[in-house]
Structure formats: C-alpha cells, structure tokens
Amino acid sequence: MEIEAEIKTIISGAANELNIIVVIPVIMVAIMGFMGGDLMAGLFDTIGGNIVATISILIFVGAYFLGKKMSNIDV
C-alpha cells in the first residue's frame, strides 16, 4: 500500500510538470505578442512564418499528447 501511494504521488507530480511545461510556452508567446511593435510580425505576416508557426503548433500538440500518454501509468 505504501509503495502504491508513493508511485501515485510520483505520477501525479509528473502530470503537474507536464501541465506547467505546456502552459509556459503559450504564456511566453502571448507576452511577446502583447509587447507591441514588430516583435512577432515576421512570424505572422509572411507565408514562411505561417508555415513555421503551423508546424510548431502541430509539434507542440503532438508532444503534449505523447507526454500525456507517457504519464498515464495505471497502478
């Protein structure tokens, strides 16, 4: 019982880390977008920038689901 509780604690800690790691890049991009000026203009105003942003979002979503699958351990 004690070992099972410890394993569940470790797993829940990993799940919390995953959620934090997912939220931080979104916050960083939002901060950069709100800073004003042309800081993010190169990324969103060109076709190449749109392609890079789309690929980055797909990789980000894929990494999130992979992380969820890896942290989903049944005890």
PDB file of N, CA and C in Angstrom:
ATOM      1  N   MET A   1       0.824  -1.198   0.000  1.00  0.00           N
ATOM      2  CA  MET A   1       0.000   0.000   0.000  1.00  0.00           C
ATOM      3  C   MET A   1       0.866   1.258   0.000  1.00  0.00           C
ATOM      4  N   GLU A   2       1.912   1.230   0.800  1.00  0.00           N
ATOM      5  CA  GLU A   2       2.782   2.403   0.902  1.00  0.00           C
ATOM      6  C   GLU A   2       3.523   2.661  -0.404  1.00  0.00           C
ATOM      7  N   ILE A   3       3.972   1.599  -1.045  1.00  0.00           N
ATOM      8  CA  ILE A   3       4.683   1.740  -2.317  1.00  0.00           C
ATOM      9  C   ILE A   3       3.725   2.240  -3.397  1.00  0.00           C
ATOM     10  N   GLU A   4       2.497   1.727  -3.382  1.00  0.00           N
ATOM     11  CA  GLU A   4       1.489   2.170  -4.350  1.00  0.00           C
ATOM     12  C   GLU A   4       1.186   3.658  -4.189  1.00  0.00           C
ATOM     13  N   ALA A   5       1.088   4.131  -2.953  1.00  0.00           N
ATOM     14  CA  ALA A   5       0.835   5.552  -2.704  1.00  0.00           C
ATOM     15  C   ALA A   5       2.003   6.402  -3.179  1.00  0.00           C
ATOM     16  N   GLU A   6       3.219   5.902  -2.979  1.00  0.00           N
ATOM     17  CA  GLU A   6       4.399   6.651  -3.430  1.00  0.00           C
ATOM     18  C   GLU A   6       4.452   6.724  -4.949  1.00  0.00           C
ATOM     19  N   ILE A   7       4.110   5.649  -5.618  1.00  0.00           N
ATOM     20  CA  ILE A   7       4.095   5.641  -7.089  1.00  0.00           C
ATOM     21  C   ILE A   7       3.041   6.617  -7.606  1.00  0.00           C
ATOM     22  N   LYS A   8       1.866   6.628  -6.987  1.00  0.00           N
ATOM     23  CA  LYS A   8       0.815   7.566  -7.403  1.00  0.00           C
ATOM     24  C   LYS A   8       1.243   9.017  -7.197  1.00  0.00           C
ATOM     25  N   THR A   9       1.991   9.279  -6.124  1.00  0.00           N
ATOM     26  CA  THR A   9       2.499  10.627  -5.877  1.00  0.00           C
ATOM     27  C   THR A   9       3.485  11.048  -6.955  1.00  0.00           C
ATOM     28  N   ILE A  10       4.374  10.152  -7.323  1.00  0.00           N
ATOM     29  CA  ILE A  10       5.358  10.455  -8.371  1.00  0.00           C
ATOM     30  C   ILE A  10       4.662  10.694  -9.703  1.00  0.00           C
ATOM     31  N   ILE A  11       3.666   9.879 -10.013  1.00  0.00           N
ATOM     32  CA  ILE A  11       2.936  10.024 -11.276  1.00  0.00           C
ATOM     33  C   ILE A  11       2.173  11.347 -11.313  1.00  0.00           C
ATOM     34  N   SER A  12       1.540  11.714 -10.206  1.00  0.00           N
ATOM     35  CA  SER A  12       0.804  12.978 -10.193  1.00  0.00           C
ATOM     36  C   SER A  12       1.760  14.164 -10.291  1.00  0.00           C
ATOM     37  N   GLY A  13       2.948  14.044  -9.726  1.00  0.00           N
ATOM     38  CA  GLY A  13       3.954  15.094  -9.872  1.00  0.00           C
ATOM     39  C   GLY A  13       4.383  15.251 -11.320  1.00  0.00           C
ATOM     40  N   ALA A  14       4.556  14.136 -12.023  1.00  0.00           N
ATOM     41  CA  ALA A  14       4.921  14.188 -13.443  1.00  0.00           C
ATOM     42  C   ALA A  14       3.805  14.817 -14.272  1.00  0.00           C
ATOM     43  N   ALA A  15       2.564  14.525 -13.926  1.00  0.00           N
ATOM     44  CA  ALA A  15       1.430  15.113 -14.650  1.00  0.00           C
ATOM     45  C   ALA A  15       1.381  16.629 -14.433  1.00  0.00           C
ATOM     46  N   ASN A  16       1.661  17.073 -13.220  1.00  0.00           N
ATOM     47  CA  ASN A  16       1.698  18.510 -12.953  1.00  0.00           C
ATOM     48  C   ASN A  16       2.831  19.193 -13.713  1.00  0.00           C
ATOM     49  N   GLU A  17       3.991  18.542 -13.783  1.00  0.00           N
ATOM     50  CA  GLU A  17       5.108  19.091 -14.546  1.00  0.00           C
ATOM     51  C   GLU A  17       4.738  19.221 -16.023  1.00  0.00           C
ATOM     52  N   LEU A  18       4.040  18.222 -16.554  1.00  0.00           N
ATOM     53  CA  LEU A  18       3.614  18.273 -17.952  1.00  0.00           C
ATOM     54  C   LEU A  18       2.689  19.457 -18.198  1.00  0.00           C
ATOM     55  N   ASN A  19       1.752  19.684 -17.291  1.00  0.00           N
ATOM     56  CA  ASN A  19       0.828  20.807 -17.451  1.00  0.00           C
ATOM     57  C   ASN A  19       1.561  22.144 -17.400  1.00  0.00           C
ATOM     58  N   ILE A  20       2.536  22.264 -16.525  1.00  0.00           N
ATOM     59  CA  ILE A  20       3.317  23.501 -16.439  1.00  0.00           C
ATOM     60  C   ILE A  20       4.137  23.700 -17.696  1.00  0.00           C
ATOM     61  N   ILE A  21       4.747  22.638 -18.179  1.00  0.00           N
ATOM     62  CA  ILE A  21       5.569  22.737 -19.388  1.00  0.00           C
ATOM     63  C   ILE A  21       4.718  23.105 -20.600  1.00  0.00           C
ATOM     64  N   VAL A  22       3.454  22.699 -20.613  1.00  0.00           N
ATOM     65  CA  VAL A  22       2.562  23.033 -21.717  1.00  0.00           C
ATOM     66  C   VAL A  22       2.133  24.494 -21.657  1.00  0.00           C
ATOM     67  N   VAL A  23       1.894  25.015 -20.472  1.00  0.00           N
ATOM     68  CA  VAL A  23       1.361  26.368 -20.325  1.00  0.00           C
ATOM     69  C   VAL A  23       2.430  27.444 -20.550  1.00  0.00           C
ATOM     70  N   ILE A  24       3.656  27.203 -20.136  1.00  0.00           N
ATOM     71  CA  ILE A  24       4.699  28.232 -20.197  1.00  0.00           C
ATOM     72  C   ILE A  24       4.969  28.736 -21.620  1.00  0.00           C
ATOM     73  N   PRO A  25       5.110  27.884 -22.647  1.00  0.00           N
ATOM     74  CA  PRO A  25       5.334  28.435 -23.993  1.00  0.00           C
ATOM     75  C   PRO A  25       4.174  29.298 -24.496  1.00  0.00           C
ATOM     76  N   VAL A  26       2.950  28.925 -24.148  1.00  0.00           N
ATOM     77  CA  VAL A  26       1.790  29.720 -24.564  1.00  0.00           C
ATOM     78  C   VAL A  26       1.846  31.099 -23.916  1.00  0.00           C
ATOM     79  N   ILE A  27       2.198  31.142 -22.643  1.00  0.00           N
ATOM     80  CA  ILE A  27       2.327  32.423 -21.949  1.00  0.00           C
ATOM     81  C   ILE A  27       3.448  33.263 -22.552  1.00  0.00           C
ATOM     82  N   MET A  28       4.569  32.624 -22.871  1.00  0.00           N
ATOM     83  CA  MET A  28       5.704  33.358 -23.454  1.00  0.00           C
ATOM     84  C   MET A  28       5.328  33.985 -24.795  1.00  0.00           C
ATOM     85  N   VAL A  29       4.639  33.229 -25.644  1.00  0.00           N
ATOM     86  CA  VAL A  29       4.228  33.763 -26.947  1.00  0.00           C
ATOM     87  C   VAL A  29       3.222  34.890 -26.759  1.00  0.00           C
ATOM     88  N   ALA A  30       2.309  34.730 -25.807  1.00  0.00           N
ATOM     89  CA  ALA A  30       1.332  35.793 -25.541  1.00  0.00           C
ATOM     90  C   ALA A  30       2.025  37.058 -25.054  1.00  0.00           C
ATOM     91  N   ILE A  31       2.990  36.923 -24.180  1.00  0.00           N
ATOM     92  CA  ILE A  31       3.730  38.093 -23.691  1.00  0.00           C
ATOM     93  C   ILE A  31       4.469  38.771 -24.836  1.00  0.00           C
ATOM     94  N   MET A  32       5.109  37.984 -25.685  1.00  0.00           N
ATOM     95  CA  MET A  32       5.829  38.562 -26.817  1.00  0.00           C
ATOM     96  C   MET A  32       4.869  39.258 -27.772  1.00  0.00           C
ATOM     97  N   GLY A  33       3.672  38.715 -27.941  1.00  0.00           N
ATOM     98  CA  GLY A  33       2.678  39.325 -28.817  1.00  0.00           C
ATOM     99  C   GLY A  33       2.140  40.634 -28.267  1.00  0.00           C
ATOM    100  N   PHE A  34       1.998  40.717 -26.949  1.00  0.00           N
ATOM    101  CA  PHE A  34       1.458  41.925 -26.329  1.00  0.00           C
ATOM    102  C   PHE A  34       2.511  43.006 -26.088  1.00  0.00           C
ATOM    103  N   MET A  35       3.781  42.680 -26.283  1.00  0.00           N
ATOM    104  CA  MET A  35       4.825  43.666 -26.035  1.00  0.00           C
ATOM    105  C   MET A  35       4.789  44.791 -27.059  1.00  0.00           C
ATOM    106  N   GLY A  36       4.053  44.593 -28.114  1.00  0.00           N
ATOM    107  CA  GLY A  36       3.898  45.648 -29.109  1.00  0.00           C
ATOM    108  C   GLY A  36       5.032  45.657 -30.115  1.00  0.00           C
ATOM    109  N   GLY A  37       4.925  46.568 -31.017  1.00  0.00           N
ATOM    110  CA  GLY A  37       5.948  46.665 -32.046  1.00  0.00           C
ATOM    111  C   GLY A  37       5.868  45.526 -33.040  1.00  0.00           C
ATOM    112  N   ASP A  38       6.950  45.309 -33.702  1.00  0.00           N
ATOM    113  CA  ASP A  38       7.009  44.271 -34.735  1.00  0.00           C
ATOM    114  C   ASP A  38       7.745  43.028 -34.250  1.00  0.00           C
ATOM    115  N   LEU A  39       7.623  42.745 -32.977  1.00  0.00           N
ATOM    116  CA  LEU A  39       8.340  41.612 -32.409  1.00  0.00           C
ATOM    117  C   LEU A  39       7.897  40.291 -33.026  1.00  0.00           C
ATOM    118  N   MET A  40       6.599  40.117 -33.238  1.00  0.00           N
ATOM    119  CA  MET A  40       6.074  38.871 -33.800  1.00  0.00           C
ATOM    120  C   MET A  40       5.597  39.042 -35.246  1.00  0.00           C
ATOM    121  N   ALA A  41       5.802  40.204 -35.824  1.00  0.00           N
ATOM    122  CA  ALA A  41       5.293  40.468 -37.172  1.00  0.00           C
ATOM    123  C   ALA A  41       5.928  39.547 -38.209  1.00  0.00           C
ATOM    124  N   GLY A  42       7.199  39.263 -38.083  1.00  0.00           N
ATOM    125  CA  GLY A  42       7.870  38.392 -39.042  1.00  0.00           C
ATOM    126  C   GLY A  42       7.330  36.981 -39.040  1.00  0.00           C
ATOM    127  N   LEU A  43       6.800  36.579 -37.928  1.00  0.00           N
ATOM    128  CA  LEU A  43       6.267  35.222 -37.836  1.00  0.00           C
ATOM    129  C   LEU A  43       4.879  35.103 -38.448  1.00  0.00           C
ATOM    130  N   PHE A  44       4.067  36.133 -38.308  1.00  0.00           N
ATOM    131  CA  PHE A  44       2.677  36.022 -38.738  1.00  0.00           C
ATOM    132  C   PHE A  44       2.360  36.762 -40.034  1.00  0.00           C
ATOM    133  N   ASP A  45       3.251  37.597 -40.533  1.00  0.00           N
ATOM    134  CA  ASP A  45       2.959  38.374 -41.733  1.00  0.00           C
ATOM    135  C   ASP A  45       3.448  37.726 -43.023  1.00  0.00           C
ATOM    136  N   THR A  46       4.282  36.731 -42.932  1.00  0.00           N
ATOM    137  CA  THR A  46       4.814  36.094 -44.139  1.00  0.00           C
ATOM    138  C   THR A  46       4.271  34.673 -44.263  1.00  0.00           C
ATOM    139  N   ILE A  47       4.305  34.161 -45.488  1.00  0.00           N
ATOM    140  CA  ILE A  47       3.828  32.793 -45.721  1.00  0.00           C
ATOM    141  C   ILE A  47       4.751  31.794 -45.042  1.00  0.00           C
ATOM    142  N   GLY A  48       6.058  32.029 -45.120  1.00  0.00           N
ATOM    143  CA  GLY A  48       7.013  31.140 -44.446  1.00  0.00           C
ATOM    144  C   GLY A  48       6.812  31.137 -42.949  1.00  0.00           C
ATOM    145  N   GLY A  49       6.522  32.302 -42.385  1.00  0.00           N
ATOM    146  CA  GLY A  49       6.258  32.392 -40.956  1.00  0.00           C
ATOM    147  C   GLY A  49       5.012  31.628 -40.554  1.00  0.00           C
ATOM    148  N   ASN A  50       3.989  31.704 -41.389  1.00  0.00           N
ATOM    149  CA  ASN A  50       2.751  30.958 -41.117  1.00  0.00           C
ATOM    150  C   ASN A  50       2.987  29.453 -41.166  1.00  0.00           C
ATOM    151  N   ILE A  51       3.808  29.022 -42.119  1.00  0.00           N
ATOM    152  CA  ILE A  51       4.120  27.593 -42.225  1.00  0.00           C
ATOM    153  C   ILE A  51       4.894  27.127 -40.996  1.00  0.00           C
ATOM    154  N   VAL A  52       5.885  27.908 -40.597  1.00  0.00           N
ATOM    155  CA  VAL A  52       6.676  27.556 -39.417  1.00  0.00           C
ATOM    156  C   VAL A  52       5.800  27.544 -38.167  1.00  0.00           C
ATOM    157  N   ALA A  53       4.911  28.520 -38.026  1.00  0.00           N
ATOM    158  CA  ALA A  53       4.025  28.565 -36.867  1.00  0.00           C
ATOM    159  C   ALA A  53       3.087  27.365 -36.847  1.00  0.00           C
ATOM    160  N   THR A  54       2.555  26.977 -38.002  1.00  0.00           N
ATOM    161  CA  THR A  54       1.656  25.824 -38.077  1.00  0.00           C
ATOM    162  C   THR A  54       2.380  24.536 -37.717  1.00  0.00           C
ATOM    163  N   ILE A  55       3.576  24.352 -38.259  1.00  0.00           N
ATOM    164  CA  ILE A  55       4.361  23.153 -37.938  1.00  0.00           C
ATOM    165  C   ILE A  55       4.708  23.128 -36.455  1.00  0.00           C
ATOM    166  N   SER A  56       5.053  24.276 -35.905  1.00  0.00           N
ATOM    167  CA  SER A  56       5.397  24.352 -34.481  1.00  0.00           C
ATOM    168  C   SER A  56       4.202  23.991 -33.607  1.00  0.00           C
ATOM    169  N   ILE A  57       3.034  24.471 -33.968  1.00  0.00           N
ATOM    170  CA  ILE A  57       1.826  24.144 -33.200  1.00  0.00           C
ATOM    171  C   ILE A  57       1.523  22.653 -33.281  1.00  0.00           C
ATOM    172  N   LEU A  58       1.681  22.064 -34.464  1.00  0.00           N
ATOM    173  CA  LEU A  58       1.436  20.623 -34.605  1.00  0.00           C
ATOM    174  C   LEU A  58       2.421  19.812 -33.766  1.00  0.00           C
ATOM    175  N   ILE A  59       3.684  20.205 -33.755  1.00  0.00           N
ATOM    176  CA  ILE A  59       4.681  19.517 -32.940  1.00  0.00           C
ATOM    177  C   ILE A  59       4.351  19.684 -31.458  1.00  0.00           C
ATOM    178  N   PHE A  60       3.941  20.881 -31.079  1.00  0.00           N
ATOM    179  CA  PHE A  60       3.590  21.170 -29.693  1.00  0.00           C
ATOM    180  C   PHE A  60       2.423  20.307 -29.235  1.00  0.00           C
ATOM    181  N   VAL A  61       1.380  20.205 -30.049  1.00  0.00           N
ATOM    182  CA  VAL A  61       0.206  19.388 -29.708  1.00  0.00           C
ATOM    183  C   VAL A  61       0.591  17.908 -29.665  1.00  0.00           C
ATOM    184  N   GLY A  62       1.393  17.472 -30.625  1.00  0.00           N
ATOM    185  CA  GLY A  62       1.848  16.077 -30.623  1.00  0.00           C
ATOM    186  C   GLY A  62       2.674  15.742 -29.392  1.00  0.00           C
ATOM    187  N   ALA A  63       3.548  16.659 -28.992  1.00  0.00           N
ATOM    188  CA  ALA A  63       4.354  16.434 -27.791  1.00  0.00           C
ATOM    189  C   ALA A  63       3.482  16.381 -26.543  1.00  0.00           C
ATOM    190  N   TYR A  64       2.438  17.209 -26.507  1.00  0.00           N
ATOM    191  CA  TYR A  64       1.521  17.185 -25.361  1.00  0.00           C
ATOM    192  C   TYR A  64       0.835  15.822 -25.248  1.00  0.00           C
ATOM    193  N   PHE A  65       0.290  15.333 -26.356  1.00  0.00           N
ATOM    194  CA  PHE A  65      -0.401  14.044 -26.298  1.00  0.00           C
ATOM    195  C   PHE A  65       0.568  12.896 -26.019  1.00  0.00           C
ATOM    196  N   LEU A  66       1.774  12.976 -26.524  1.00  0.00           N
ATOM    197  CA  LEU A  66       2.775  11.963 -26.221  1.00  0.00           C
ATOM    198  C   LEU A  66       3.127  11.994 -24.737  1.00  0.00           C
ATOM    199  N   GLY A  67       3.276  13.184 -24.176  1.00  0.00           N
ATOM    200  CA  GLY A  67       3.551  13.317 -22.756  1.00  0.00           C
ATOM    201  C   GLY A  67       2.421  12.789 -21.899  1.00  0.00           C
ATOM    202  N   LYS A  68       1.169  13.070 -22.304  1.00  0.00           N
ATOM    203  CA  LYS A  68       0.024  12.532 -21.567  1.00  0.00           C
ATOM    204  C   LYS A  68       0.007  11.008 -21.613  1.00  0.00           C
ATOM    205  N   LYS A  69       0.336  10.458 -22.782  1.00  0.00           N
ATOM    206  CA  LYS A  69       0.350   9.010 -22.912  1.00  0.00           C
ATOM    207  C   LYS A  69       1.468   8.388 -22.063  1.00  0.00           C
ATOM    208  N   MET A  70       2.610   9.061 -22.007  1.00  0.00           N
ATOM    209  CA  MET A  70       3.728   8.549 -21.222  1.00  0.00           C
ATOM    210  C   MET A  70       3.479   8.654 -19.729  1.00  0.00           C
ATOM    211  N   SER A  71       2.738   9.678 -19.306  1.00  0.00           N
ATOM    212  CA  SER A  71       2.488   9.851 -17.876  1.00  0.00           C
ATOM    213  C   SER A  71       1.238   9.122 -17.403  1.00  0.00           C
ATOM    214  N   ASN A  72       0.529   8.488 -18.302  1.00  0.00           N
ATOM    215  CA  ASN A  72      -0.671   7.730 -17.938  1.00  0.00           C
ATOM    216  C   ASN A  72      -0.276   6.293 -17.560  1.00  0.00           C
ATOM    217  N   ILE A  73       0.085   6.116 -16.307  1.00  0.00           N
ATOM    218  CA  ILE A  73       0.517   4.812 -15.810  1.00  0.00           C
ATOM    219  C   ILE A  73      -0.515   4.341 -14.785  1.00  0.00           C
ATOM    220  N   ASP A  74      -1.045   3.152 -15.024  1.00  0.00           N
ATOM    221  CA  ASP A  74      -2.019   2.582 -14.085  1.00  0.00           C
ATOM    222  C   ASP A  74      -1.290   1.772 -13.029  1.00  0.00           C
ATOM    223  N   VAL A  75      -1.691   1.996 -11.787  1.00  0.00           N
ATOM    224  CA  VAL A  75      -1.063   1.258 -10.672  1.00  0.00           C
ATOM    225  C   VAL A  75      -2.075   0.319 -10.081  1.00  0.00           C
TER     226      VAL A  75
END
